[in-house]
Amino acid sequence: MALDPEEFVTLTDHGSMKLRAAVLRAMTLLPKERKRTTIVREGEPAILHFEQIKNLAAQWEVQGSARGPFDTSNVSDPC
């Protein structure tokens, strides 16, 4: 899934922001909040759930394109 980190999206209950910021914010939420976290975007896929957000954060970390700490090693799916 190749997504543009500069794309404007909506993070559920947090408003509109760039995808990079939405992913970073989602990764810092408490586990209970993560369960219902989604990112809504114009393109496909239109909705990213937490597992997809977590995978995207890990992908950006590996590619070296993330601006913040995206350590997903201790993050589990709250479902």
N, C-alpha and C. Protein backbone atom coordinates (compact mmCIF):
# COMPACT_ATOMS: atom_id res chain seq x y z
N MET A 1 0.86 -1.17 0.00
CA MET A 1 0.00 0.00 0.00
C MET A 1 0.90 1.23 0.00
N ALA A 2 1.03 1.89 -1.11
CA ALA A 2 1.85 3.10 -1.24
C ALA A 2 0.96 4.33 -1.09
N LEU A 3 1.08 5.00 0.03
CA LEU A 3 0.26 6.18 0.30
C LEU A 3 1.15 7.40 0.46
N ASP A 4 0.62 8.55 0.11
CA ASP A 4 1.36 9.81 0.21
C ASP A 4 1.24 10.36 1.63
N PRO A 5 2.34 10.45 2.37
CA PRO A 5 2.28 10.95 3.75
C PRO A 5 1.82 12.41 3.84
N GLU A 6 1.83 13.13 2.72
CA GLU A 6 1.40 14.54 2.72
C GLU A 6 -0.08 14.71 2.36
N GLU A 7 -0.76 13.61 2.07
CA GLU A 7 -2.19 13.65 1.73
C GLU A 7 -3.00 14.11 2.95
N PHE A 8 -4.01 14.96 2.72
CA PHE A 8 -4.88 15.38 3.81
C PHE A 8 -5.95 14.33 4.04
N VAL A 9 -6.12 13.95 5.31
CA VAL A 9 -7.06 12.91 5.71
C VAL A 9 -7.79 13.37 6.96
N THR A 10 -8.75 12.56 7.40
CA THR A 10 -9.44 12.83 8.66
C THR A 10 -9.20 11.67 9.61
N LEU A 11 -8.69 11.98 10.78
CA LEU A 11 -8.51 10.99 11.83
C LEU A 11 -9.74 11.06 12.72
N THR A 12 -10.44 9.95 12.88
CA THR A 12 -11.67 9.91 13.66
C THR A 12 -11.48 10.57 15.02
N ASP A 13 -12.37 11.50 15.34
CA ASP A 13 -12.38 12.23 16.62
C ASP A 13 -11.18 13.17 16.82
N HIS A 14 -10.37 13.38 15.77
CA HIS A 14 -9.21 14.27 15.91
C HIS A 14 -9.10 15.29 14.79
N GLY A 15 -9.96 15.21 13.78
CA GLY A 15 -9.98 16.22 12.73
C GLY A 15 -9.10 15.92 11.53
N SER A 16 -8.96 16.94 10.69
CA SER A 16 -8.21 16.82 9.44
C SER A 16 -6.74 17.16 9.66
N MET A 17 -5.88 16.42 8.97
CA MET A 17 -4.44 16.62 9.06
C MET A 17 -3.78 15.81 7.96
N LYS A 18 -2.48 15.98 7.82
CA LYS A 18 -1.75 15.17 6.85
C LYS A 18 -1.68 13.73 7.35
N LEU A 19 -1.61 12.81 6.41
CA LEU A 19 -1.58 11.39 6.75
C LEU A 19 -0.45 11.06 7.71
N ARG A 20 0.72 11.62 7.50
CA ARG A 20 1.86 11.37 8.39
C ARG A 20 1.50 11.73 9.84
N ALA A 21 0.87 12.88 10.03
CA ALA A 21 0.49 13.32 11.38
C ALA A 21 -0.60 12.43 11.95
N ALA A 22 -1.54 12.01 11.11
CA ALA A 22 -2.63 11.14 11.57
C ALA A 22 -2.09 9.79 12.04
N VAL A 23 -1.14 9.25 11.31
CA VAL A 23 -0.53 7.97 11.69
C VAL A 23 0.21 8.13 13.01
N LEU A 24 1.00 9.18 13.13
CA LEU A 24 1.74 9.41 14.37
C LEU A 24 0.79 9.57 15.56
N ARG A 25 -0.26 10.36 15.38
CA ARG A 25 -1.21 10.56 16.48
C ARG A 25 -1.91 9.26 16.84
N ALA A 26 -2.32 8.49 15.85
CA ALA A 26 -2.99 7.21 16.12
C ALA A 26 -2.09 6.27 16.91
N MET A 27 -0.80 6.29 16.60
CA MET A 27 0.14 5.40 17.29
C MET A 27 0.34 5.81 18.75
N THR A 28 0.00 7.03 19.11
CA THR A 28 0.19 7.49 20.49
C THR A 28 -1.07 7.39 21.33
N LEU A 29 -2.17 6.96 20.74
CA LEU A 29 -3.43 6.85 21.48
C LEU A 29 -3.39 5.68 22.47
N LEU A 30 -4.22 5.78 23.48
CA LEU A 30 -4.35 4.69 24.44
C LEU A 30 -4.99 3.49 23.74
N PRO A 31 -4.70 2.28 24.21
CA PRO A 31 -5.23 1.08 23.56
C PRO A 31 -6.75 1.10 23.34
N LYS A 32 -7.50 1.59 24.30
CA LYS A 32 -8.96 1.62 24.15
C LYS A 32 -9.37 2.54 22.99
N GLU A 33 -8.67 3.66 22.83
CA GLU A 33 -8.97 4.59 21.74
C GLU A 33 -8.55 4.01 20.39
N ARG A 34 -7.46 3.26 20.38
CA ARG A 34 -6.98 2.67 19.12
C ARG A 34 -8.01 1.76 18.49
N LYS A 35 -8.77 1.08 19.33
CA LYS A 35 -9.75 0.10 18.84
C LYS A 35 -10.73 0.74 17.85
N ARG A 36 -11.10 1.98 18.10
CA ARG A 36 -12.09 2.63 17.23
C ARG A 36 -11.47 3.67 16.29
N THR A 37 -10.16 3.75 16.27
CA THR A 37 -9.48 4.72 15.42
C THR A 37 -9.53 4.34 13.95
N THR A 38 -9.89 5.31 13.12
CA THR A 38 -9.85 5.12 11.67
C THR A 38 -9.34 6.39 11.02
N ILE A 39 -8.72 6.22 9.88
CA ILE A 39 -8.33 7.35 9.05
C ILE A 39 -9.19 7.28 7.80
N VAL A 40 -9.85 8.38 7.49
CA VAL A 40 -10.71 8.45 6.31
C VAL A 40 -9.99 9.30 5.27
N ARG A 41 -9.92 8.76 4.03
CA ARG A 41 -9.22 9.45 2.96
C ARG A 41 -10.04 9.39 1.68
N GLU A 42 -9.65 10.19 0.70
CA GLU A 42 -10.35 10.25 -0.58
C GLU A 42 -10.05 9.04 -1.46
N GLY A 43 -8.83 8.54 -1.43
CA GLY A 43 -8.42 7.46 -2.32
C GLY A 43 -8.80 6.08 -1.80
N GLU A 44 -8.23 5.07 -2.43
CA GLU A 44 -8.45 3.69 -2.02
C GLU A 44 -7.20 3.19 -1.30
N PRO A 45 -7.31 2.50 -0.21
CA PRO A 45 -8.54 2.27 0.53
C PRO A 45 -9.02 3.56 1.19
N ALA A 46 -10.32 3.73 1.23
CA ALA A 46 -10.91 4.96 1.76
C ALA A 46 -10.83 5.02 3.28
N ILE A 47 -10.84 3.88 3.93
CA ILE A 47 -10.79 3.83 5.39
C ILE A 47 -9.64 2.94 5.83
N LEU A 48 -8.81 3.47 6.71
CA LEU A 48 -7.71 2.71 7.29
C LEU A 48 -8.03 2.45 8.75
N HIS A 49 -8.07 1.19 9.15
CA HIS A 49 -8.30 0.83 10.54
C HIS A 49 -6.95 0.71 11.24
N PHE A 50 -6.97 0.52 12.57
CA PHE A 50 -5.73 0.59 13.32
C PHE A 50 -4.67 -0.39 12.83
N GLU A 51 -5.04 -1.60 12.50
CA GLU A 51 -4.04 -2.57 12.04
C GLU A 51 -3.34 -2.06 10.78
N GLN A 52 -4.08 -1.44 9.88
CA GLN A 52 -3.50 -0.87 8.66
C GLN A 52 -2.62 0.34 9.00
N ILE A 53 -3.07 1.14 9.96
CA ILE A 53 -2.29 2.30 10.39
C ILE A 53 -0.96 1.84 10.99
N LYS A 54 -1.02 0.82 11.82
CA LYS A 54 0.18 0.26 12.44
C LYS A 54 1.15 -0.27 11.38
N ASN A 55 0.62 -0.96 10.39
CA ASN A 55 1.46 -1.48 9.30
C ASN A 55 2.09 -0.35 8.50
N LEU A 56 1.33 0.70 8.27
CA LEU A 56 1.84 1.85 7.53
C LEU A 56 2.97 2.53 8.31
N ALA A 57 2.79 2.68 9.61
CA ALA A 57 3.84 3.28 10.45
C ALA A 57 5.11 2.45 10.38
N ALA A 58 4.98 1.14 10.45
CA ALA A 58 6.14 0.26 10.38
C ALA A 58 6.81 0.36 9.00
N GLN A 59 6.01 0.43 7.96
CA GLN A 59 6.55 0.55 6.59
C GLN A 59 7.35 1.84 6.44
N TRP A 60 6.82 2.94 6.94
CA TRP A 60 7.52 4.22 6.83
C TRP A 60 8.80 4.21 7.64
N GLU A 61 8.78 3.54 8.78
CA GLU A 61 9.98 3.47 9.61
C GLU A 61 11.08 2.71 8.87
N VAL A 62 10.73 1.62 8.23
CA VAL A 62 11.70 0.82 7.48
C VAL A 62 12.25 1.61 6.30
N GLN A 63 11.39 2.35 5.62
CA GLN A 63 11.81 3.13 4.46
C GLN A 63 12.60 4.37 4.86
N GLY A 64 12.55 4.73 6.13
CA GLY A 64 13.28 5.90 6.59
C GLY A 64 12.61 7.21 6.23
N SER A 65 11.31 7.16 5.90
CA SER A 65 10.63 8.39 5.51
C SER A 65 9.77 8.97 6.63
N ALA A 66 9.76 8.33 7.78
CA ALA A 66 8.96 8.84 8.89
C ALA A 66 9.72 9.94 9.62
N ARG A 67 9.01 10.94 10.09
CA ARG A 67 9.65 12.04 10.81
C ARG A 67 9.65 11.82 12.31
N GLY A 68 8.92 10.86 12.76
CA GLY A 68 8.82 10.66 14.20
C GLY A 68 9.08 9.21 14.57
N PRO A 69 9.06 8.93 15.87
CA PRO A 69 9.29 7.56 16.32
C PRO A 69 8.06 6.70 16.03
N PHE A 70 8.22 5.68 15.24
CA PHE A 70 7.12 4.78 14.91
C PHE A 70 7.47 3.38 15.37
N ASP A 71 7.86 3.21 16.60
CA ASP A 71 8.22 1.90 17.10
C ASP A 71 6.94 1.12 17.37
N THR A 72 6.65 0.15 16.52
CA THR A 72 5.43 -0.63 16.66
C THR A 72 5.69 -1.99 17.29
N SER A 73 6.89 -2.23 17.77
CA SER A 73 7.23 -3.54 18.29
C SER A 73 6.44 -3.92 19.54
N ASN A 74 6.01 -2.95 20.31
CA ASN A 74 5.27 -3.26 21.53
C ASN A 74 3.80 -2.88 21.43
N VAL A 75 3.30 -2.66 20.22
CA VAL A 75 1.91 -2.26 20.02
C VAL A 75 1.14 -3.45 19.49
N SER A 76 0.08 -3.80 20.20
CA SER A 76 -0.76 -4.90 19.74
C SER A 76 -2.11 -4.37 19.31
N ASP A 77 -2.81 -5.15 18.52
CA ASP A 77 -4.14 -4.77 18.06
C ASP A 77 -5.08 -4.86 19.25
N PRO A 78 -5.79 -3.80 19.60
CA PRO A 78 -6.64 -3.79 20.79
C PRO A 78 -7.92 -4.60 20.64
N CYS A 79 -8.18 -5.15 19.50
CA CYS A 79 -9.43 -5.90 19.27
C CYS A 79 -9.46 -7.18 20.02
